[in-house]
Structure formats: structure tokens, C-alpha cells
């Protein structure tokens, strides 16, 4: 399945993004958006899955200025 995920940054201080990915985002995981690392704090379904796609929304919060190269999707 392909997940089309809308990432929105809590507080609005950073731009979010939309990404196609093969793994479903999970609360507590980290994600890179540009050079920044964020923690996923909320995930919910935008609409029911269709064919091989699922549309999700994820709210994230910034972790640090520059992201390390490990433990990040």
C-alpha cells in the first residue's frame, strides 16, 4: 500500500509537506522534512483507503535544528 501523508507542523513555525511513502506513519516516530527532524504526535485517516492508496494526516513537532543521519525515516 502507498500512503499519501499530509504532514503539518504544530505551531506553524515550519512548512509541512505531502509525501508518498510505503510505511504508515506511527505516533512517536521521527520523520525528516527537508533538513529538519520532527516527531510524529498524531496520525489520522483523511478518507477511506482506495485501491492501493490510503490518505493520512500527520501532525508533527520539531525536535532539533539539524537532523542526525540515523533512526529517521
N, C-alpha and C. Protein backbone atom coordinates (compact mmCIF):
# COMPACT_ATOMS: atom_id res chain seq x y z
N UNK A 1 0.85 -1.17 0.00
CA UNK A 1 0.00 0.00 0.00
C UNK A 1 0.89 1.24 0.00
N UNK A 2 0.44 2.26 -0.68
CA UNK A 2 1.11 3.56 -0.69
C UNK A 2 0.30 4.50 0.20
N UNK A 3 0.99 5.18 1.10
CA UNK A 3 0.35 6.16 1.98
C UNK A 3 0.68 7.55 1.48
N UNK A 4 -0.33 8.34 1.20
CA UNK A 4 -0.16 9.75 0.85
C UNK A 4 -0.39 10.50 2.15
N UNK A 5 0.68 11.07 2.71
CA UNK A 5 0.63 11.65 4.05
C UNK A 5 0.81 13.16 3.97
N UNK A 6 -0.12 13.87 4.57
CA UNK A 6 -0.01 15.32 4.73
C UNK A 6 0.60 15.58 6.10
N UNK A 7 1.80 16.15 6.11
CA UNK A 7 2.49 16.48 7.36
C UNK A 7 2.27 17.96 7.68
N UNK A 8 1.76 18.23 8.87
CA UNK A 8 1.54 19.60 9.33
C UNK A 8 2.33 19.79 10.62
N UNK A 9 3.11 20.88 10.68
CA UNK A 9 3.96 21.15 11.83
C UNK A 9 3.18 21.92 12.88
N UNK A 10 3.15 21.39 14.09
CA UNK A 10 2.47 22.02 15.22
C UNK A 10 3.05 23.42 15.45
N UNK A 11 2.20 24.39 15.61
CA UNK A 11 2.64 25.76 15.87
C UNK A 11 2.83 26.58 14.60
N UNK A 12 2.97 25.94 13.46
CA UNK A 12 3.08 26.64 12.19
C UNK A 12 4.37 27.39 11.95
N UNK A 13 5.42 27.11 12.74
CA UNK A 13 6.68 27.81 12.55
C UNK A 13 7.49 27.28 11.36
N UNK A 14 7.17 26.11 10.87
CA UNK A 14 7.89 25.48 9.77
C UNK A 14 6.88 25.01 8.73
N UNK A 15 7.27 24.99 7.46
CA UNK A 15 6.36 24.44 6.45
C UNK A 15 6.25 22.93 6.60
N UNK A 16 5.12 22.39 6.30
CA UNK A 16 4.92 20.94 6.30
C UNK A 16 5.18 20.40 4.91
N UNK A 17 4.45 19.36 4.56
CA UNK A 17 4.61 18.79 3.23
C UNK A 17 3.69 17.62 3.01
N UNK A 18 3.65 17.16 1.79
CA UNK A 18 2.88 15.97 1.42
C UNK A 18 3.86 14.97 0.84
N UNK A 19 3.76 13.74 1.29
CA UNK A 19 4.72 12.72 0.88
C UNK A 19 4.00 11.41 0.58
N UNK A 20 4.44 10.72 -0.48
CA UNK A 20 4.02 9.35 -0.74
C UNK A 20 5.06 8.45 -0.09
N UNK A 21 4.60 7.48 0.70
CA UNK A 21 5.53 6.57 1.36
C UNK A 21 4.93 5.19 1.49
N UNK A 22 5.78 4.18 1.66
CA UNK A 22 5.32 2.80 1.74
C UNK A 22 5.01 2.36 3.16
N UNK A 23 5.51 3.08 4.16
CA UNK A 23 5.25 2.74 5.55
C UNK A 23 4.27 3.73 6.16
N UNK A 24 3.31 3.21 6.91
CA UNK A 24 2.34 4.07 7.59
C UNK A 24 3.05 4.82 8.72
N UNK A 25 2.83 6.14 8.83
CA UNK A 25 3.45 6.88 9.93
C UNK A 25 2.86 6.44 11.27
N UNK A 26 3.69 6.45 12.31
CA UNK A 26 3.29 5.98 13.63
C UNK A 26 3.65 7.05 14.66
N UNK A 27 2.72 7.33 15.58
CA UNK A 27 2.98 8.29 16.65
C UNK A 27 4.25 7.88 17.40
N UNK A 28 5.12 8.85 17.65
CA UNK A 28 6.38 8.61 18.35
C UNK A 28 7.58 8.44 17.44
N UNK A 29 7.35 8.12 16.16
CA UNK A 29 8.45 8.00 15.21
C UNK A 29 8.94 9.39 14.81
N UNK A 30 10.13 9.43 14.22
CA UNK A 30 10.69 10.67 13.70
C UNK A 30 10.62 10.65 12.18
N UNK A 31 10.47 11.85 11.60
CA UNK A 31 10.42 11.99 10.16
C UNK A 31 11.25 13.21 9.77
N UNK A 32 11.92 13.12 8.62
CA UNK A 32 12.64 14.26 8.07
C UNK A 32 11.73 15.01 7.11
N UNK A 33 11.66 16.31 7.28
CA UNK A 33 11.00 17.18 6.31
C UNK A 33 12.05 18.23 5.97
N UNK A 34 12.61 18.11 4.78
CA UNK A 34 13.77 18.93 4.43
C UNK A 34 14.92 18.52 5.34
N UNK A 35 15.67 19.48 5.87
CA UNK A 35 16.80 19.16 6.74
C UNK A 35 16.41 19.00 8.22
N UNK A 36 15.13 19.19 8.53
CA UNK A 36 14.66 19.19 9.92
C UNK A 36 14.10 17.84 10.32
N UNK A 37 14.28 17.51 11.61
CA UNK A 37 13.73 16.27 12.17
C UNK A 37 12.53 16.63 13.04
N UNK A 38 11.45 15.86 12.88
CA UNK A 38 10.21 16.08 13.61
C UNK A 38 9.73 14.78 14.23
N UNK A 39 9.02 14.90 15.34
CA UNK A 39 8.37 13.75 15.98
C UNK A 39 6.91 13.75 15.58
N UNK A 40 6.42 12.58 15.19
CA UNK A 40 5.00 12.43 14.85
C UNK A 40 4.21 12.36 16.15
N UNK A 41 3.24 13.26 16.31
CA UNK A 41 2.45 13.29 17.54
C UNK A 41 0.98 12.92 17.33
N UNK A 42 0.54 12.84 16.07
CA UNK A 42 -0.85 12.50 15.79
C UNK A 42 -0.95 12.01 14.35
N UNK A 43 -1.72 10.95 14.14
CA UNK A 43 -1.98 10.44 12.79
C UNK A 43 -3.45 10.08 12.70
N UNK A 44 -4.11 10.55 11.64
CA UNK A 44 -5.48 10.09 11.42
C UNK A 44 -5.79 10.01 9.93
N UNK A 45 -6.79 9.20 9.64
CA UNK A 45 -7.20 8.93 8.27
C UNK A 45 -8.00 10.10 7.73
N UNK A 46 -7.63 10.59 6.54
CA UNK A 46 -8.38 11.67 5.90
C UNK A 46 -9.60 11.10 5.19
N UNK A 47 -9.41 10.00 4.49
CA UNK A 47 -10.52 9.32 3.83
C UNK A 47 -10.19 7.84 3.74
N UNK A 48 -11.21 7.05 3.50
CA UNK A 48 -11.04 5.60 3.45
C UNK A 48 -10.05 5.21 2.35
N UNK A 49 -9.32 4.10 2.55
CA UNK A 49 -8.38 3.64 1.53
C UNK A 49 -9.08 3.39 0.19
N UNK A 50 -8.36 3.66 -0.89
CA UNK A 50 -8.86 3.39 -2.25
C UNK A 50 -7.79 2.62 -2.99
N UNK A 51 -8.17 1.51 -3.56
CA UNK A 51 -7.23 0.67 -4.29
C UNK A 51 -5.99 0.43 -3.43
N UNK A 52 -4.83 0.87 -3.88
CA UNK A 52 -3.60 0.67 -3.12
C UNK A 52 -3.12 1.94 -2.43
N UNK A 53 -4.03 2.91 -2.23
CA UNK A 53 -3.67 4.18 -1.59
C UNK A 53 -4.47 4.40 -0.33
N UNK A 54 -3.82 5.01 0.66
CA UNK A 54 -4.52 5.49 1.85
C UNK A 54 -4.05 6.92 2.11
N UNK A 55 -5.01 7.80 2.39
CA UNK A 55 -4.72 9.21 2.62
C UNK A 55 -4.74 9.49 4.10
N UNK A 56 -3.61 10.00 4.63
CA UNK A 56 -3.46 10.24 6.06
C UNK A 56 -3.00 11.67 6.34
N UNK A 57 -3.30 12.12 7.54
CA UNK A 57 -2.81 13.40 8.05
C UNK A 57 -1.93 13.08 9.25
N UNK A 58 -0.77 13.73 9.35
CA UNK A 58 0.11 13.55 10.50
C UNK A 58 0.51 14.93 11.02
N UNK A 59 0.33 15.13 12.32
CA UNK A 59 0.81 16.34 12.97
C UNK A 59 2.16 16.01 13.58
N UNK A 60 3.13 16.91 13.39
CA UNK A 60 4.48 16.69 13.88
C UNK A 60 4.94 17.90 14.68
N UNK A 61 5.97 17.68 15.53
CA UNK A 61 6.58 18.79 16.27
C UNK A 61 8.07 18.75 16.03
N UNK A 62 8.71 19.93 15.93
CA UNK A 62 10.16 19.96 15.67
C UNK A 62 10.94 19.39 16.84
N UNK A 63 12.05 18.71 16.53
CA UNK A 63 12.91 18.10 17.53
C UNK A 63 14.20 18.89 17.70
N UNK A 64 14.85 19.27 16.60
CA UNK A 64 16.13 19.95 16.66
C UNK A 64 16.39 20.66 15.35
N UNK A 65 17.44 21.47 15.32
CA UNK A 65 17.77 22.26 14.13
C UNK A 65 18.19 21.40 12.95
N UNK A 66 19.16 20.54 13.13
CA UNK A 66 19.65 19.66 12.05
C UNK A 66 19.45 18.21 12.45
N UNK A 67 19.06 17.40 11.48
CA UNK A 67 18.74 16.01 11.75
C UNK A 67 19.99 15.13 11.69
N UNK A 68 20.11 14.18 12.63
CA UNK A 68 21.17 13.18 12.52
C UNK A 68 20.84 12.20 11.40
N UNK A 69 21.79 11.41 10.99
CA UNK A 69 21.60 10.54 9.84
C UNK A 69 20.97 9.19 10.19
N UNK A 70 20.76 8.86 11.46
CA UNK A 70 20.21 7.54 11.80
C UNK A 70 18.89 7.67 12.54
N UNK A 71 18.13 6.56 12.56
CA UNK A 71 16.86 6.44 13.27
C UNK A 71 15.79 7.39 12.76
N UNK A 72 15.86 7.78 11.52
CA UNK A 72 14.88 8.69 10.95
C UNK A 72 14.41 8.12 9.62
N UNK A 73 13.11 8.22 9.39
CA UNK A 73 12.55 7.76 8.11
C UNK A 73 12.59 8.86 7.09
